[in-house]
Amino acid sequence: MVRTGVELVDIDDEVLEQLVAAARLEDSPADVMAPLPGSPGWGPFAEDAFRQLHRSRRPGLAGPHHEATYAVRAGNQALGVLRLFRPDGADDDSVLEVGMWLSRQHRGAGIGRAALLLGVTRARDLGAVELVADTTATNLAAQAVLRRAGFVLAEPAGSEPSSVQAARRLR
C-alpha cells in the first residue's frame, strides 16, 4: 500500500525553511548534503550551505547542475528531498538518477516509497526512459524501498561491495 497525502513540491523559500528545520534534526549536515569543510555540526555556515545548494538547483534539468530537486511533503510539511539528475558523464536526460533524503523521524511509514513512485512519474514526464539509483550496501531499508518501487537491484560485485546499483525502465 502506498501512503497517500505525500507530494513532491518545488522548493521555494518557505519550503526551504521547512527543509532546514527538518535537516537540523539529523545528526550532521553530511546526512543531508555533501560534507562541508570545517565544523561537522549544524550552525549558520551549514544552514547557509544547505540553502545555497537547493537554491542553485531551482533551474532544474536545464540548469547548470542538470538536477531537478523537489521537497517531499506530507501534511503540508516538508520532510525531505527527492533529486532527479543526470548521472556522471550523461549528456542528455534519457537516463536519470534518483536520490532521496527523508528525515529520520519519518522513515518506515511508507513516505519514502510514495515519494519514490512520484519521482518515477516525474522522471517519465521529463522524458527519461530509465531511472537509476545508487545506495550503500548496508542500507537495507533503501534497497527494500527501491525493490518495492519496481527497481531491479544489481548483484553486488566482490566480497565486500560498498554500493548497490538499481534501475527501473520507464517506457
C-alpha atoms as a PDB file:
ATOM      1  CA  MET A   1       0.000   0.000   0.000  1.00  0.00           C
ATOM      2  CA  VAL A   2       1.305   3.443  -0.954  1.00  0.00           C
ATOM      3  CA  ARG A   3       0.950   6.198   1.599  1.00  0.00           C
ATOM      4  CA  THR A   4      -1.455   8.915   0.433  1.00  0.00           C
ATOM      5  CA  GLY A   5      -1.040  12.601   1.111  1.00  0.00           C
ATOM      6  CA  VAL A   6       2.604  12.584   0.012  1.00  0.00           C
ATOM      7  CA  GLU A   7       3.562  15.039  -2.712  1.00  0.00           C
ATOM      8  CA  LEU A   8       6.618  16.440  -4.423  1.00  0.00           C
ATOM      9  CA  VAL A   9       6.725  20.240  -4.454  1.00  0.00           C
ATOM     10  CA  ASP A  10       9.103  22.869  -5.778  1.00  0.00           C
ATOM     11  CA  ILE A  11      11.478  24.286  -3.186  1.00  0.00           C
ATOM     12  CA  ASP A  12      10.572  27.936  -2.766  1.00  0.00           C
ATOM     13  CA  ASP A  13      11.927  29.931   0.191  1.00  0.00           C
ATOM     14  CA  GLU A  14       9.070  28.946   2.532  1.00  0.00           C
ATOM     15  CA  VAL A  15       9.503  25.240   1.793  1.00  0.00           C
ATOM     16  CA  LEU A  16      13.273  25.644   2.035  1.00  0.00           C
ATOM     17  CA  GLU A  17      12.973  26.904   5.616  1.00  0.00           C
ATOM     18  CA  GLN A  18      10.869  23.833   6.469  1.00  0.00           C
ATOM     19  CA  LEU A  19      13.631  21.677   4.979  1.00  0.00           C
ATOM     20  CA  VAL A  20      16.283  23.485   7.025  1.00  0.00           C
ATOM     21  CA  ALA A  21      14.292  22.719  10.181  1.00  0.00           C
ATOM     22  CA  ALA A  22      13.891  19.055   9.178  1.00  0.00           C
ATOM     23  CA  ALA A  23      17.573  18.760   8.243  1.00  0.00           C
ATOM     24  CA  ARG A  24      18.706  20.192  11.595  1.00  0.00           C
ATOM     25  CA  LEU A  25      17.086  17.177  13.278  1.00  0.00           C
ATOM     26  CA  GLU A  26      19.650  14.933  11.584  1.00  0.00           C
ATOM     27  CA  ASP A  27      22.941  14.128  13.275  1.00  0.00           C
ATOM     28  CA  SER A  28      25.082  16.230  10.958  1.00  0.00           C
ATOM     29  CA  PRO A  29      24.916  18.214   7.723  1.00  0.00           C
ATOM     30  CA  ALA A  30      26.678  15.288   5.998  1.00  0.00           C
ATOM     31  CA  ASP A  31      23.435  13.297   6.450  1.00  0.00           C
ATOM     32  CA  VAL A  32      21.637  15.614   4.001  1.00  0.00           C
ATOM     33  CA  MET A  33      24.326  17.029   1.696  1.00  0.00           C
ATOM     34  CA  ALA A  34      27.955  16.610   0.717  1.00  0.00           C
ATOM     35  CA  PRO A  35      30.365  17.026   3.629  1.00  0.00           C
ATOM     36  CA  LEU A  36      31.422  20.588   4.373  1.00  0.00           C
ATOM     37  CA  PRO A  37      34.858  21.827   5.367  1.00  0.00           C
ATOM     38  CA  GLY A  38      35.240  22.902   8.964  1.00  0.00           C
ATOM     39  CA  SER A  39      32.933  22.126  11.860  1.00  0.00           C
ATOM     40  CA  PRO A  40      30.909  18.922  11.412  1.00  0.00           C
ATOM     41  CA  GLY A  41      27.796  20.226  13.203  1.00  0.00           C
ATOM     42  CA  TRP A  42      24.883  22.426  12.326  1.00  0.00           C
ATOM     43  CA  GLY A  43      25.306  26.174  12.532  1.00  0.00           C
ATOM     44  CA  PRO A  44      24.870  29.254  10.345  1.00  0.00           C
ATOM     45  CA  PHE A  45      27.564  28.111   7.853  1.00  0.00           C
ATOM     46  CA  ALA A  46      25.966  24.677   7.327  1.00  0.00           C
ATOM     47  CA  GLU A  47      22.442  26.104   7.143  1.00  0.00           C
ATOM     48  CA  ASP A  48      23.518  28.652   4.537  1.00  0.00           C
ATOM     49  CA  ALA A  49      25.294  25.943   2.518  1.00  0.00           C
ATOM     50  CA  PHE A  50      22.099  23.850   2.603  1.00  0.00           C
ATOM     51  CA  ARG A  51      20.036  26.833   1.402  1.00  0.00           C
ATOM     52  CA  GLN A  52      22.525  27.655  -1.356  1.00  0.00           C
ATOM     53  CA  LEU A  53      22.569  24.046  -2.530  1.00  0.00           C
ATOM     54  CA  HIS A  54      18.811  23.940  -3.014  1.00  0.00           C
ATOM     55  CA  ARG A  55      18.529  27.431  -4.481  1.00  0.00           C
ATOM     56  CA  SER A  56      21.207  26.515  -7.046  1.00  0.00           C
ATOM     57  CA  ARG A  57      19.044  23.590  -8.222  1.00  0.00           C
ATOM     58  CA  ARG A  58      15.943  25.683  -8.966  1.00  0.00           C
ATOM     59  CA  PRO A  59      16.657  25.909 -12.738  1.00  0.00           C
ATOM     60  CA  GLY A  60      16.037  22.137 -12.972  1.00  0.00           C
ATOM     61  CA  LEU A  61      17.494  19.714 -15.507  1.00  0.00           C
ATOM     62  CA  ALA A  62      18.132  22.529 -17.992  1.00  0.00           C
ATOM     63  CA  GLY A  63      20.223  24.402 -15.422  1.00  0.00           C
ATOM     64  CA  PRO A  64      23.968  24.132 -14.884  1.00  0.00           C
ATOM     65  CA  HIS A  65      23.657  21.261 -12.382  1.00  0.00           C
ATOM     66  CA  HIS A  66      21.269  19.198 -14.564  1.00  0.00           C
ATOM     67  CA  GLU A  67      19.203  18.423 -11.483  1.00  0.00           C
ATOM     68  CA  ALA A  68      15.514  18.761 -10.620  1.00  0.00           C
ATOM     69  CA  THR A  69      15.048  18.839  -6.864  1.00  0.00           C
ATOM     70  CA  TYR A  70      11.741  18.600  -5.015  1.00  0.00           C
ATOM     71  CA  ALA A  71      10.680  18.689  -1.401  1.00  0.00           C
ATOM     72  CA  VAL A  72       8.901  15.583  -0.154  1.00  0.00           C
ATOM     73  CA  ARG A  73       5.862  16.914   1.648  1.00  0.00           C
ATOM     74  CA  ALA A  74       3.169  15.265   3.750  1.00  0.00           C
ATOM     75  CA  GLY A  75       0.593  17.034   5.858  1.00  0.00           C
ATOM     76  CA  ASN A  76       1.752  20.401   4.467  1.00  0.00           C
ATOM     77  CA  GLN A  77       5.205  19.847   5.999  1.00  0.00           C
ATOM     78  CA  ALA A  78       8.455  19.336   4.080  1.00  0.00           C
ATOM     79  CA  LEU A  79      10.081  16.127   5.337  1.00  0.00           C
ATOM     80  CA  GLY A  80      12.927  15.564   2.895  1.00  0.00           C
ATOM     81  CA  VAL A  81      14.195  15.952  -0.648  1.00  0.00           C
ATOM     82  CA  LEU A  82      13.972  13.921  -3.859  1.00  0.00           C
ATOM     83  CA  ARG A  83      16.517  14.675  -6.591  1.00  0.00           C
ATOM     84  CA  LEU A  84      16.403  13.703 -10.273  1.00  0.00           C
ATOM     85  CA  PHE A  85      19.690  14.331 -12.026  1.00  0.00           C
ATOM     86  CA  ARG A  86      21.883  13.269 -14.906  1.00  0.00           C
ATOM     87  CA  PRO A  87      24.338  10.561 -13.907  1.00  0.00           C
ATOM     88  CA  ASP A  88      28.017  11.452 -14.259  1.00  0.00           C
ATOM     89  CA  GLY A  89      29.010  11.521 -17.900  1.00  0.00           C
ATOM     90  CA  ALA A  90      25.460  11.630 -19.312  1.00  0.00           C
ATOM     91  CA  ASP A  91      24.812  14.226 -21.986  1.00  0.00           C
ATOM     92  CA  ASP A  92      21.014  14.005 -22.098  1.00  0.00           C
ATOM     93  CA  ASP A  93      18.049  13.251 -19.835  1.00  0.00           C
ATOM     94  CA  SER A  94      17.127   9.803 -21.199  1.00  0.00           C
ATOM     95  CA  VAL A  95      18.603   8.176 -18.100  1.00  0.00           C
ATOM     96  CA  LEU A  96      18.164   9.982 -14.804  1.00  0.00           C
ATOM     97  CA  GLU A  97      19.430   9.112 -11.361  1.00  0.00           C
ATOM     98  CA  VAL A  98      17.258   9.489  -8.294  1.00  0.00           C
ATOM     99  CA  GLY A  99      18.470  10.360  -4.834  1.00  0.00           C
ATOM    100  CA  MET A 100      16.407  10.917  -1.741  1.00  0.00           C
ATOM    101  CA  TRP A 101      16.784  12.070   1.815  1.00  0.00           C
ATOM    102  CA  LEU A 102      13.897  11.707   4.258  1.00  0.00           C
ATOM    103  CA  SER A 103      14.064  12.938   7.843  1.00  0.00           C
ATOM    104  CA  ARG A 104      14.882  10.129  10.210  1.00  0.00           C
ATOM    105  CA  GLN A 105      11.685  10.507  12.226  1.00  0.00           C
ATOM    106  CA  HIS A 106       9.527   9.913   9.116  1.00  0.00           C
ATOM    107  CA  ARG A 107      11.254   6.814   7.801  1.00  0.00           C
ATOM    108  CA  GLY A 108       9.456   3.479   7.844  1.00  0.00           C
ATOM    109  CA  ALA A 109       5.987   4.979   7.380  1.00  0.00           C
ATOM    110  CA  GLY A 110       5.671   4.495   3.606  1.00  0.00           C
ATOM    111  CA  ILE A 111       6.518   8.122   2.809  1.00  0.00           C
ATOM    112  CA  GLY A 112       9.774   7.218   1.066  1.00  0.00           C
ATOM    113  CA  ARG A 113       8.136   4.682  -1.226  1.00  0.00           C
ATOM    114  CA  ALA A 114       5.307   7.086  -2.070  1.00  0.00           C
ATOM    115  CA  ALA A 115       7.823   9.840  -2.844  1.00  0.00           C
ATOM    116  CA  LEU A 116       9.943   7.486  -4.947  1.00  0.00           C
ATOM    117  CA  LEU A 117       6.912   6.451  -7.013  1.00  0.00           C
ATOM    118  CA  LEU A 118       6.090  10.127  -7.555  1.00  0.00           C
ATOM    119  CA  GLY A 119       9.710  10.578  -8.635  1.00  0.00           C
ATOM    120  CA  VAL A 120       9.295   7.759 -11.158  1.00  0.00           C
ATOM    121  CA  THR A 121       6.341   9.632 -12.666  1.00  0.00           C
ATOM    122  CA  ARG A 122       8.265  12.927 -12.715  1.00  0.00           C
ATOM    123  CA  ALA A 123      11.257  11.272 -14.403  1.00  0.00           C
ATOM    124  CA  ARG A 124       8.957   9.767 -17.059  1.00  0.00           C
ATOM    125  CA  ASP A 125       7.306  13.173 -17.576  1.00  0.00           C
ATOM    126  CA  LEU A 126      10.776  14.711 -18.029  1.00  0.00           C
ATOM    127  CA  GLY A 127      11.431  12.279 -20.881  1.00  0.00           C
ATOM    128  CA  ALA A 128      13.604   9.711 -19.136  1.00  0.00           C
ATOM    129  CA  VAL A 129      13.387   6.102 -20.317  1.00  0.00           C
ATOM    130  CA  GLU A 130      15.297   4.696 -17.346  1.00  0.00           C
ATOM    131  CA  LEU A 131      15.726   5.716 -13.729  1.00  0.00           C
ATOM    132  CA  VAL A 132      18.758   4.538 -11.774  1.00  0.00           C
ATOM    133  CA  ALA A 133      19.767   4.745  -8.125  1.00  0.00           C
ATOM    134  CA  ASP A 134      22.831   4.042  -6.051  1.00  0.00           C
ATOM    135  CA  THR A 135      22.801   3.230  -2.343  1.00  0.00           C
ATOM    136  CA  THR A 136      25.207   1.779   0.145  1.00  0.00           C
ATOM    137  CA  ALA A 137      25.378  -1.973   0.516  1.00  0.00           C
ATOM    138  CA  THR A 138      24.484  -1.623   4.196  1.00  0.00           C
ATOM    139  CA  ASN A 139      21.360   0.489   3.618  1.00  0.00           C
ATOM    140  CA  LEU A 140      18.902  -2.393   3.527  1.00  0.00           C
ATOM    141  CA  ALA A 141      15.914  -0.096   4.084  1.00  0.00           C
ATOM    142  CA  ALA A 142      16.720   1.909   0.932  1.00  0.00           C
ATOM    143  CA  GLN A 143      17.219  -1.305  -1.012  1.00  0.00           C
ATOM    144  CA  ALA A 144      13.805  -2.551   0.134  1.00  0.00           C
ATOM    145  CA  VAL A 145      12.119   0.724  -0.882  1.00  0.00           C
ATOM    146  CA  LEU A 146      13.762   0.556  -4.303  1.00  0.00           C
ATOM    147  CA  ARG A 147      12.591  -3.037  -4.811  1.00  0.00           C
ATOM    148  CA  ARG A 148       9.027  -2.175  -3.724  1.00  0.00           C
ATOM    149  CA  ALA A 149       9.036   0.694  -6.221  1.00  0.00           C
ATOM    150  CA  GLY A 150       9.875  -1.647  -9.108  1.00  0.00           C
ATOM    151  CA  PHE A 151      13.647  -1.203  -9.315  1.00  0.00           C
ATOM    152  CA  VAL A 152      15.894  -4.145 -10.109  1.00  0.00           C
ATOM    153  CA  LEU A 153      18.973  -4.218  -7.901  1.00  0.00           C
ATOM    154  CA  ALA A 154      22.278  -5.344  -9.356  1.00  0.00           C
ATOM    155  CA  GLU A 155      24.038  -8.161  -7.584  1.00  0.00           C
ATOM    156  CA  PRO A 156      26.946  -6.685  -5.641  1.00  0.00           C
ATOM    157  CA  ALA A 157      30.343  -7.477  -7.081  1.00  0.00           C
ATOM    158  CA  GLY A 158      33.200  -8.684  -4.903  1.00  0.00           C
ATOM    159  CA  SER A 159      33.184  -9.978  -1.375  1.00  0.00           C
ATOM    160  CA  GLU A 160      32.618  -6.603   0.318  1.00  0.00           C
ATOM    161  CA  PRO A 161      30.768  -4.256  -2.026  1.00  0.00           C
ATOM    162  CA  SER A 162      30.312  -0.692  -0.853  1.00  0.00           C
ATOM    163  CA  SER A 163      27.372   0.203  -3.075  1.00  0.00           C
ATOM    164  CA  VAL A 164      24.374  -1.320  -4.806  1.00  0.00           C
ATOM    165  CA  GLN A 165      23.009  -0.039  -8.107  1.00  0.00           C
ATOM    166  CA  ALA A 166      19.340  -0.204  -9.034  1.00  0.00           C
ATOM    167  CA  ALA A 167      17.463   0.526 -12.244  1.00  0.00           C
ATOM    168  CA  ARG A 168      13.879   0.780 -13.461  1.00  0.00           C
ATOM    169  CA  ARG A 169      12.738   1.059 -17.085  1.00  0.00           C
ATOM    170  CA  LEU A 170      10.145   3.796 -17.536  1.00  0.00           C
ATOM    171  CA  ARG A 171       8.896   3.111 -21.085  1.00  0.00           C
END
